[in-house]
Amino acid sequence: MLASLLVLAATGVDPVPDTTTGSSGLPQLDTTHFSPQLVWLALSFGALYLLLARIVLPRIEAVLGERRGRIQRDLDEAERLKVETEKALALYEDAYAAARAKANEIAKRTHEELAAKVEAERSRVDRQIAAKLEEAETRITETKAKAMAHVNEIATETAEAIVAKLIGKEATEPEVRRAVKAGAGE
């Protein structure tokens, strides 16, 4: 619209139509004004083209180029970080596997050591129990032998007491001994 007013002002055409003369209509469509309008159109288009080509488009191109560069730098940095992350992850997995293997080895060694200690302790306890059993068996055998040695004597005394009670008369010791030996089958 501004361009049209400038064109009309430059050509000397009144932008407001004169209603007194009877000409009505748009001045742009008036064929007598086509050539100045075409000149101003060419000048306006040329000025706009030069403004866009020399000032605006180079600035836009610079901004787009800087943006492309920043995006490319960011992509390169992301790729570098991805590679570093993959390397760090591989190192972590290797370290984790090594630590797991070492832990398994330590656990195995500890298990073997504990098993050996338990076996040694069990062996020691078994020896102590065997020694105590042997000692107990020896004492039982000795006690049994002592008891058996006194059995004849106790049997003789008991038989004397029983005979004295039953008969009312005491029997002699040699007679009671013979009777006990005969009863025992000796």
Protein backbone atom coordinates (compact mmCIF):
# COMPACT_ATOMS: atom_id res chain seq x y z
CA MET A 1 0.00 0.00 0.00
CA LEU A 2 2.84 2.36 0.89
CA ALA A 3 4.52 1.62 -2.40
CA SER A 4 1.32 2.49 -4.25
CA LEU A 5 1.05 5.82 -2.45
CA LEU A 6 4.67 6.60 -3.25
CA VAL A 7 4.08 5.79 -6.89
CA LEU A 8 1.02 7.97 -7.02
CA ALA A 9 2.78 10.84 -5.29
CA ALA A 10 5.76 10.59 -7.64
CA THR A 11 3.61 10.61 -10.75
CA GLY A 12 1.56 13.49 -9.50
CA VAL A 13 -1.65 11.52 -9.30
CA ASP A 14 -3.92 12.42 -6.47
CA PRO A 15 -4.47 9.30 -4.32
CA VAL A 16 -8.00 10.43 -3.62
CA PRO A 17 -10.04 10.37 -6.83
CA ASP A 18 -11.65 13.54 -7.93
CA THR A 19 -15.36 12.95 -7.84
CA THR A 20 -16.18 16.26 -9.46
CA THR A 21 -14.69 15.34 -12.83
CA GLY A 22 -16.61 12.15 -13.01
CA SER A 23 -13.64 9.76 -13.23
CA SER A 24 -14.09 6.96 -10.88
CA GLY A 25 -12.19 3.75 -10.27
CA LEU A 26 -8.82 2.67 -9.19
CA PRO A 27 -5.80 4.63 -10.37
CA GLN A 28 -3.80 1.40 -10.62
CA LEU A 29 -6.09 0.28 -13.37
CA ASP A 30 -5.90 3.55 -15.23
CA THR A 31 -3.84 2.81 -18.34
CA THR A 32 -2.37 6.28 -18.46
CA HIS A 33 -0.50 5.56 -15.22
CA PHE A 34 0.87 2.09 -16.13
CA SER A 35 4.36 3.16 -17.18
CA PRO A 36 5.22 5.14 -14.02
CA GLN A 37 3.77 2.34 -11.90
CA LEU A 38 5.91 -0.21 -13.73
CA VAL A 39 9.01 1.93 -13.17
CA TRP A 40 8.28 2.21 -9.47
CA LEU A 41 7.51 -1.50 -9.30
CA ALA A 42 10.88 -2.30 -10.86
CA LEU A 43 12.67 0.15 -8.52
CA SER A 44 10.88 -1.21 -5.43
CA PHE A 45 11.51 -4.80 -6.46
CA GLY A 46 15.18 -4.06 -7.17
CA ALA A 47 15.62 -2.27 -3.84
CA LEU A 48 13.91 -5.11 -2.00
CA TYR A 49 16.02 -7.67 -3.87
CA LEU A 50 19.25 -5.81 -3.05
CA LEU A 51 18.20 -5.41 0.59
CA LEU A 52 17.46 -9.12 0.87
CA ALA A 53 20.47 -10.30 -1.18
CA ARG A 54 23.08 -8.04 0.43
CA ILE A 55 21.95 -7.72 4.05
CA VAL A 56 19.21 -10.08 5.22
CA LEU A 57 20.08 -13.33 3.43
CA PRO A 58 23.82 -13.21 4.32
CA ARG A 59 22.87 -12.74 7.99
CA ILE A 60 20.43 -15.64 7.80
CA GLU A 61 23.07 -17.76 6.04
CA ALA A 62 25.62 -16.89 8.73
CA VAL A 63 23.19 -17.84 11.50
CA LEU A 64 22.31 -21.11 9.73
CA GLY A 65 26.00 -21.88 9.12
CA GLU A 66 26.87 -21.20 12.76
CA ARG A 67 23.94 -23.36 13.81
CA ARG A 68 25.04 -26.20 11.49
CA GLY A 69 28.56 -25.91 12.91
CA ARG A 70 27.28 -26.00 16.50
CA ILE A 71 25.08 -28.99 15.74
CA GLN A 72 27.99 -30.79 14.07
CA ARG A 73 30.28 -30.00 17.04
CA ASP A 74 27.62 -31.28 19.42
CA LEU A 75 27.21 -34.45 17.35
CA ASP A 76 30.99 -34.96 17.27
CA GLU A 77 31.20 -34.40 21.03
CA ALA A 78 28.31 -36.82 21.59
CA GLU A 79 30.05 -39.43 19.45
CA ARG A 80 33.31 -38.93 21.34
CA LEU A 81 31.52 -39.23 24.67
CA LYS A 82 29.71 -42.33 23.42
CA VAL A 83 33.03 -43.96 22.51
CA GLU A 84 34.50 -43.00 25.89
CA THR A 85 31.43 -44.35 27.65
CA GLU A 86 31.68 -47.63 25.76
CA LYS A 87 35.37 -47.89 26.68
CA ALA A 88 34.61 -47.10 30.33
CA LEU A 89 31.79 -49.64 30.30
CA ALA A 90 34.09 -52.29 28.82
CA LEU A 91 36.72 -51.51 31.46
CA TYR A 92 34.06 -51.68 34.18
CA GLU A 93 32.80 -55.03 32.92
CA ASP A 94 36.38 -56.36 32.81
CA ALA A 95 37.05 -55.09 36.32
CA TYR A 96 33.74 -56.53 37.51
CA ALA A 97 34.53 -59.93 35.98
CA ALA A 98 38.02 -59.88 37.52
CA ALA A 99 36.62 -58.89 40.92
CA ARG A 100 34.00 -61.61 40.71
CA ALA A 101 36.65 -64.20 39.79
CA LYS A 102 38.87 -63.01 42.64
CA ALA A 103 35.94 -63.12 45.07
CA ASN A 104 35.09 -66.65 43.93
CA GLU A 105 38.73 -67.67 44.40
CA ILE A 106 38.83 -66.13 47.88
CA ALA A 107 35.53 -67.82 48.78
CA LYS A 108 36.81 -71.16 47.49
CA ARG A 109 40.09 -70.82 49.36
CA THR A 110 38.30 -69.77 52.56
CA HIS A 111 35.88 -72.68 52.19
CA GLU A 112 38.79 -75.09 51.78
CA GLU A 113 40.63 -73.61 54.77
CA LEU A 114 37.51 -73.79 56.93
CA ALA A 115 36.84 -77.36 55.79
CA ALA A 116 40.43 -78.30 56.71
CA LYS A 117 40.07 -76.62 60.12
CA VAL A 118 36.75 -78.34 60.74
CA GLU A 119 38.24 -81.68 59.72
CA ALA A 120 41.25 -81.14 62.00
CA GLU A 121 38.97 -80.16 64.89
CA ARG A 122 36.72 -83.15 64.25
CA SER A 123 39.76 -85.43 64.16
CA ARG A 124 41.02 -83.95 67.45
CA VAL A 125 37.59 -84.35 69.08
CA ASP A 126 37.33 -87.92 67.74
CA ARG A 127 40.74 -88.72 69.28
CA GLN A 128 39.67 -87.19 72.59
CA ILE A 129 36.43 -89.17 72.56
CA ALA A 130 38.27 -92.36 71.63
CA ALA A 131 40.78 -91.77 74.45
CA LYS A 132 37.98 -91.13 76.95
CA LEU A 133 36.09 -94.22 75.74
CA GLU A 134 39.21 -96.32 76.06
CA GLU A 135 39.83 -94.92 79.54
CA ALA A 136 36.20 -95.57 80.49
CA GLU A 137 36.38 -99.13 79.15
CA THR A 138 39.58 -99.69 81.12
CA ARG A 139 37.93 -98.41 84.30
CA ILE A 140 34.84 -100.54 83.63
CA THR A 141 37.03 -103.60 83.05
CA GLU A 142 39.00 -102.89 86.23
CA THR A 143 35.83 -102.28 88.23
CA LYS A 144 34.28 -105.42 86.80
CA ALA A 145 37.42 -107.43 87.66
CA LYS A 146 37.42 -106.01 91.21
CA ALA A 147 33.71 -106.71 91.52
CA MET A 148 34.15 -110.23 90.20
CA ALA A 149 37.03 -110.78 92.65
CA HIS A 150 34.79 -109.78 95.51
CA VAL A 151 31.76 -111.71 94.22
CA ASN A 152 33.00 -114.98 95.69
CA GLU A 153 33.72 -113.28 99.00
CA ILE A 154 30.33 -111.51 98.97
CA ALA A 155 28.60 -114.73 97.94
CA THR A 156 30.32 -116.59 100.76
CA GLU A 157 29.32 -113.97 103.35
CA THR A 158 25.76 -113.87 101.98
CA ALA A 159 25.51 -117.66 102.03
CA GLU A 160 26.77 -117.75 105.64
CA ALA A 161 24.11 -115.18 106.62
CA ILE A 162 21.35 -117.07 104.77
CA VAL A 163 22.37 -120.42 106.27
CA ALA A 164 22.51 -118.85 109.75
CA LYS A 165 19.02 -117.45 109.34
CA LEU A 166 17.53 -120.58 107.81
CA ILE A 167 19.13 -123.18 110.01
CA GLY A 168 19.79 -121.06 113.01
CA LYS A 169 23.32 -122.34 113.20
CA GLU A 170 26.43 -120.86 111.65
CA ALA A 171 28.25 -122.78 108.98
CA THR A 172 32.02 -122.85 108.79
CA GLU A 173 33.72 -120.73 106.24
CA PRO A 174 35.46 -123.57 104.35
CA GLU A 175 32.15 -125.40 103.95
CA VAL A 176 30.40 -122.29 102.62
CA ARG A 177 33.27 -121.67 100.20
CA ARG A 178 33.06 -125.16 98.81
CA ALA A 179 29.30 -124.83 98.40
CA VAL A 180 29.65 -121.44 96.60
CA LYS A 181 32.35 -122.87 94.29
CA ALA A 182 30.19 -125.82 93.50
CA GLY A 183 27.22 -123.55 92.77
CA ALA A 184 29.29 -121.27 90.56
CA GLY A 185 30.58 -124.25 88.60
CA GLU A 186 34.23 -123.72 89.33
